[in-house]
Protein backbone atom coordinates (compact mmCIF):
# COMPACT_ATOMS: atom_id res chain seq x y z
CA MET A 1 0.00 0.00 0.00
CA THR A 2 1.44 3.38 -1.07
CA SER A 3 -0.08 6.84 -1.49
CA GLU A 4 -0.72 5.86 -5.10
CA THR A 5 -2.73 2.76 -4.19
CA ALA A 6 -4.28 3.52 -0.78
CA GLN A 7 -8.06 3.86 -0.89
CA ILE A 8 -9.58 6.48 1.42
CA LEU A 9 -13.25 7.10 2.13
CA VAL A 10 -14.25 10.52 3.51
CA VAL A 11 -17.55 10.46 5.43
CA ASP A 12 -18.89 13.91 6.37
CA ASP A 13 -22.31 15.52 5.97
CA GLU A 14 -20.78 18.89 5.03
CA ALA A 15 -20.09 19.12 1.29
CA LEU A 16 -17.37 21.76 1.76
CA VAL A 17 -15.47 19.59 4.27
CA ARG A 18 -15.69 16.61 1.93
CA ARG A 19 -14.31 18.66 -0.94
CA VAL A 20 -11.44 20.20 1.05
CA LEU A 21 -10.34 16.89 2.58
CA GLY A 22 -10.77 15.05 -0.69
CA ASP A 23 -8.71 17.57 -2.64
CA ALA A 24 -5.91 17.59 -0.03
CA LEU A 25 -5.61 13.81 -0.05
CA THR A 26 -6.02 13.43 -3.82
CA GLN A 27 -3.18 15.89 -4.37
CA THR A 28 -1.01 13.66 -2.15
CA GLY A 29 -1.72 10.71 -4.43
CA TYR A 30 -4.42 8.82 -2.54
CA ARG A 31 -7.51 7.47 -4.24
CA VAL A 32 -10.37 9.23 -2.50
CA ARG A 33 -14.14 8.75 -2.42
CA SER A 34 -16.52 10.94 -0.43
CA VAL A 35 -20.02 10.35 0.95
CA GLY A 36 -22.33 12.39 3.15
CA SER A 37 -24.04 9.85 5.41
CA GLY A 38 -23.53 6.68 7.41
CA ASP A 39 -25.75 4.63 5.12
CA ALA A 40 -23.85 5.85 2.07
CA ALA A 41 -20.57 4.97 3.79
CA LEU A 42 -21.63 1.37 4.40
CA ALA A 43 -22.90 1.07 0.84
CA ALA A 44 -19.62 2.46 -0.53
CA LEU A 45 -17.53 0.06 1.56
CA ALA A 46 -19.70 -2.87 0.50
CA THR A 47 -18.91 -2.00 -3.11
CA THR A 48 -15.19 -1.27 -2.70
CA SER A 49 -13.37 -1.64 0.61
CA ALA A 50 -11.11 1.17 1.84
CA ASP A 51 -7.73 1.18 3.55
CA LEU A 52 -8.79 4.12 5.70
CA VAL A 53 -12.02 5.95 6.55
CA LEU A 54 -12.10 9.58 7.69
CA LEU A 55 -15.32 9.59 9.71
CA ASP A 56 -17.14 12.63 11.08
CA LEU A 57 -18.66 11.90 14.49
CA GLN A 58 -21.59 14.28 13.97
CA LEU A 59 -23.42 12.70 11.05
CA GLY A 60 -27.08 13.51 10.61
CA ASP A 61 -28.27 9.92 10.14
CA SER A 62 -25.82 7.93 12.26
CA ASP A 63 -23.95 7.86 15.55
CA GLY A 64 -20.29 8.12 14.60
CA VAL A 65 -19.01 5.73 17.28
CA GLU A 66 -21.60 3.08 16.43
CA LEU A 67 -20.86 3.43 12.71
CA MET A 68 -17.14 3.08 13.40
CA GLN A 69 -17.76 -0.13 15.33
CA VAL A 70 -19.77 -1.53 12.41
CA ILE A 71 -16.96 -0.66 10.01
CA ARG A 72 -14.30 -2.21 12.27
CA THR A 73 -16.39 -5.38 12.61
CA ARG A 74 -17.26 -5.84 8.93
CA TRP A 75 -13.95 -4.58 7.52
CA PRO A 76 -11.36 -5.27 10.27
CA ARG A 77 -8.41 -4.23 8.10
CA THR A 78 -9.88 -0.78 7.45
CA GLU A 79 -8.37 1.93 9.64
CA VAL A 80 -10.65 4.69 10.97
CA ILE A 81 -9.66 8.26 11.82
CA ILE A 82 -12.35 10.22 13.63
CA LEU A 83 -13.11 13.83 12.69
CA THR A 84 -14.48 15.83 15.59
CA ALA A 85 -15.15 19.35 16.82
CA HIS A 86 -13.95 20.47 20.25
CA GLY A 87 -17.47 20.05 21.63
CA SER A 88 -17.46 16.31 20.99
CA MET A 89 -14.01 15.48 22.40
CA THR A 90 -15.55 13.04 24.88
CA SER A 91 -17.08 11.10 21.99
CA ALA A 92 -13.77 11.17 20.13
CA ILE A 93 -11.92 9.66 23.08
CA ALA A 94 -14.68 7.03 23.38
CA ALA A 95 -14.19 6.21 19.70
CA VAL A 96 -10.44 5.71 20.22
CA ARG A 97 -11.19 3.41 23.15
CA HIS A 98 -13.44 1.37 20.84
CA GLY A 99 -10.88 0.96 18.08
CA ALA A 100 -10.41 4.21 16.16
CA SER A 101 -6.84 4.57 14.90
CA ASP A 102 -6.65 8.31 15.61
CA TYR A 103 -8.75 11.46 15.76
CA LEU A 104 -8.47 14.93 14.23
CA LEU A 105 -9.95 18.17 15.52
CA LYS A 106 -11.88 20.45 13.18
CA PRO A 107 -10.86 22.74 11.57
CA ILE A 108 -8.17 20.46 10.18
CA GLY A 109 -4.89 21.76 8.78
CA VAL A 110 -3.91 20.19 5.48
CA GLU A 111 -0.39 19.28 6.56
CA GLU A 112 -1.58 17.74 9.83
CA LEU A 113 -4.23 15.77 7.92
CA ARG A 114 -1.66 14.38 5.51
CA ALA A 115 0.81 13.55 8.30
CA ARG A 116 -1.75 11.72 10.46
CA VAL A 117 -3.16 9.79 7.51
CA SER A 118 0.35 8.82 6.46
CA ASP A 119 1.18 7.65 10.01
CA VAL A 120 -1.93 5.47 10.32
CA LEU A 121 -1.45 3.92 6.88
CA ALA A 122 2.23 3.26 7.61
CA ARG A 123 1.32 1.36 10.79
CA SER A 124 -1.34 -0.59 8.91
CA ARG A 125 1.10 -1.41 6.13
CA ALA A 126 3.75 -2.56 8.63
CA GLY A 127 1.23 -4.86 10.29
CA ARG A 128 0.21 -6.41 6.99
CA GLU A 129 3.82 -6.89 5.93
CA ARG A 130 4.53 -8.65 9.21
CA LEU A 131 1.60 -11.00 8.65
CA GLU A 132 2.82 -11.66 5.10
CA ARG A 133 6.29 -12.54 6.44
CA ILE A 134 4.73 -14.92 8.94
CA LEU A 135 2.70 -16.53 6.15
CA THR A 136 5.82 -16.88 4.00
CA MET A 137 7.68 -18.50 6.90
CA SER A 138 4.77 -20.89 7.41
CA GLN A 139 4.79 -21.83 3.72
CA GLN A 140 8.56 -22.37 3.79
CA LEU A 141 8.17 -24.59 6.85
CA GLN A 142 5.50 -26.62 5.08
CA ALA A 143 7.78 -27.06 2.07
CA LEU A 144 10.71 -28.08 4.29
CA VAL A 145 8.60 -30.59 6.18
CA ALA A 146 7.26 -32.01 2.93
CA ASN A 147 10.78 -32.37 1.53
CA GLU A 148 11.89 -34.18 4.68
CA GLY A 149 8.92 -36.52 4.50
CA LEU A 150 7.66 -35.50 7.92
CA GLU A 151 4.17 -34.85 9.21
CA LEU A 152 3.65 -31.10 9.57
CA THR A 153 1.38 -31.51 12.58
CA ASN A 154 3.99 -33.56 14.41
CA ALA A 155 6.74 -31.08 13.59
CA ALA A 156 4.63 -28.17 14.77
CA ASP A 157 3.72 -29.96 17.97
CA GLU A 158 7.41 -30.23 18.82
CA LEU A 159 7.74 -26.45 18.78
CA GLY A 160 6.77 -24.91 22.09
CA PRO A 161 5.09 -21.47 22.14
CA GLY A 162 8.33 -19.75 23.06
CA GLN A 163 10.05 -21.21 19.96
CA ARG A 164 7.58 -20.00 17.35
CA ALA A 165 7.81 -16.49 15.92
CA ASP A 166 4.02 -16.15 15.78
CA VAL A 167 3.30 -17.43 19.31
CA TYR A 168 4.22 -15.86 22.63
CA ALA A 169 4.08 -17.64 25.97
CA ALA A 170 4.29 -15.69 29.23
CA GLY A 171 3.45 -17.84 32.22
CA PRO A 172 -0.08 -19.24 31.81
CA LEU A 173 -0.74 -16.84 28.91
CA VAL A 174 -0.32 -17.90 25.27
CA ILE A 175 -0.82 -15.42 22.41
CA ASP A 176 -1.09 -16.68 18.84
CA ILE A 177 -0.49 -13.72 16.53
CA THR A 178 -1.40 -15.46 13.28
CA GLN A 179 -4.74 -16.77 14.51
CA HIS A 180 -5.38 -13.75 16.75
CA LEU A 181 -6.05 -16.07 19.69
CA VAL A 182 -5.34 -15.72 23.39
CA ARG A 183 -5.43 -18.51 25.97
CA MET A 184 -5.06 -18.18 29.71
CA HIS A 185 -4.53 -21.41 31.65
CA GLY A 186 -5.58 -23.20 28.44
CA GLU A 187 -8.90 -21.36 28.18
CA GLN A 188 -9.52 -19.15 25.14
CA ILE A 189 -10.15 -15.48 25.99
CA ASP A 190 -12.26 -13.26 23.73
CA LEU A 191 -10.56 -9.87 23.27
CA THR A 192 -11.20 -6.74 21.23
CA PRO A 193 -8.46 -5.68 18.74
CA ALA A 194 -7.25 -2.99 21.16
CA GLU A 195 -7.19 -5.40 24.11
CA PHE A 196 -5.27 -7.93 22.03
CA ALA A 197 -2.68 -5.29 21.06
CA ILE A 198 -2.27 -4.13 24.65
CA LEU A 199 -1.83 -7.65 25.99
CA HIS A 200 0.66 -8.46 23.24
CA ALA A 201 2.65 -5.30 23.99
CA LEU A 202 2.94 -6.30 27.65
CA ALA A 203 3.42 -10.05 27.36
CA ARG A 204 6.13 -10.07 24.70
CA THR A 205 8.54 -8.62 27.28
CA PRO A 206 7.44 -10.12 30.62
CA GLY A 207 8.57 -8.14 33.64
CA ALA A 208 9.52 -5.05 31.63
CA VAL A 209 7.71 -1.82 32.46
CA ILE A 210 5.98 -0.35 29.39
CA THR A 211 4.88 3.28 29.46
CA CYS A 212 1.26 4.15 28.80
CA ALA A 213 2.18 6.02 25.61
CA GLN A 214 4.12 3.02 24.27
CA ILE A 215 1.18 0.72 24.96
CA VAL A 216 -1.33 3.06 23.30
CA GLN A 217 0.90 3.22 20.22
CA SER A 218 0.40 -0.53 19.83
CA PHE A 219 -3.20 0.06 18.70
CA GLN A 220 -3.29 3.64 17.39
CA ALA A 221 -0.99 5.87 15.41
CA SER A 222 -0.18 8.55 17.93
CA VAL A 223 -1.00 9.93 21.36
CA ALA A 224 -0.51 13.48 22.60
CA ASP A 225 1.15 12.79 25.95
CA GLU A 226 1.50 10.30 28.79
CA ASP A 227 -1.51 11.65 30.72
CA GLU A 228 -3.80 11.27 27.72
CA ALA A 229 -2.43 7.78 27.11
CA ARG A 230 -3.07 6.82 30.73
CA GLN A 231 -6.70 7.96 30.46
CA MET A 232 -7.19 6.03 27.23
CA LEU A 233 -5.65 2.87 28.66
CA ARG A 234 -7.51 2.75 31.95
CA PRO A 235 -10.83 1.30 30.67
CA HIS A 236 -9.00 -1.25 28.49
CA ILE A 237 -6.90 -2.40 31.45
CA VAL A 238 -10.01 -2.73 33.64
CA ARG A 239 -11.72 -4.94 31.03
CA LEU A 240 -8.56 -7.02 30.46
CA ARG A 241 -8.18 -7.66 34.17
CA ARG A 242 -11.79 -8.79 34.40
CA LYS A 243 -11.15 -11.30 31.62
CA ILE A 244 -7.75 -12.56 32.80
CA GLU A 245 -7.14 -11.97 36.48
CA PRO A 246 -8.35 -14.42 39.18
CA GLU A 247 -9.02 -11.33 41.34
CA PRO A 248 -9.36 -8.24 39.11
CA SER A 249 -9.32 -5.95 42.17
CA ASN A 250 -5.95 -7.41 43.19
CA PRO A 251 -4.22 -7.97 39.83
CA ALA A 252 -1.44 -10.52 39.75
CA TYR A 253 -0.55 -10.49 36.02
CA ILE A 254 -1.30 -7.01 34.60
CA GLN A 255 0.49 -4.88 37.16
CA SER A 256 0.54 -1.10 37.46
CA VAL A 257 3.80 0.70 38.04
CA ARG A 258 2.73 4.00 39.55
CA GLY A 259 3.62 7.04 37.48
CA ILE A 260 5.11 4.99 34.63
CA GLY A 261 2.85 2.36 33.09
CA TYR A 262 2.22 -1.37 33.27
CA ARG A 263 4.04 -4.69 33.13
CA TRP A 264 3.15 -8.34 32.71
CA SER A 265 4.10 -10.65 35.57
CA SER A 266 4.39 -14.25 34.30
CA SER A 267 4.61 -15.59 37.85
CA GLY A 268 1.27 -14.14 38.85
CA ALA A 269 2.65 -12.64 42.03
CA ALA A 270 0.46 -9.76 43.17
CA ALA A 271 1.99 -6.32 42.80
CA THR A 272 2.79 -4.22 45.84
CA ASN A 273 3.29 -0.81 44.24
CA GLY A 274 -0.18 0.03 42.95
CA THR A 275 -2.92 -1.54 40.88
């Protein structure tokens, strides 16, 4: 995906905004479509999927956060940047918590628009390239096993989670990147994309303290500062602890490090410096 091939859908009920954003992105080389309603956005995506949607929160026919959730569910590879006025900042932050890649405040400067779009698409492209590398490695492994006359299932079974590039094991937690699966004590855990990214960011380096901003960057393009990141993370951490911790009020695995961030404790020993 490059600026010459990336497909962008602008969703805003103001014709002037659609034209200004569309012109700015088209001049950069993106392929841009514009629609003025939530229904039109879903119809456009059903016809031709987009790499990124610029979505106004204040649409006349739709709730922007609900529409974003529909888009993220039906087209999980499509990134969403929220467009919002100062008066709806609370809704914008809620949208980020529910999976938006970023948000932009109106009125939007052309250079900022281009930079933020470029950042989100770069992260998306990097994620896809990583998945492609994993797929290539899997295919090469299959070919090697076939050449050796071995059973692939038996060969794979001999590889523990810590030995496979697409699987992380941290104590009782196992994260399978390729299949987007998480198991805790052998039981599969259902996570949102943001929760999965947060858990992966923590568990891939057990015991290391990860700042709130670094964790937030695992599921969105950018964050203004550490305080904003901490506020964004808090509800995700609460939900993750409810799904994973034996006692969510006394977390043993997802531990807070006061004033810095969080860490994953593989041993499950309860933290003593804040929750």
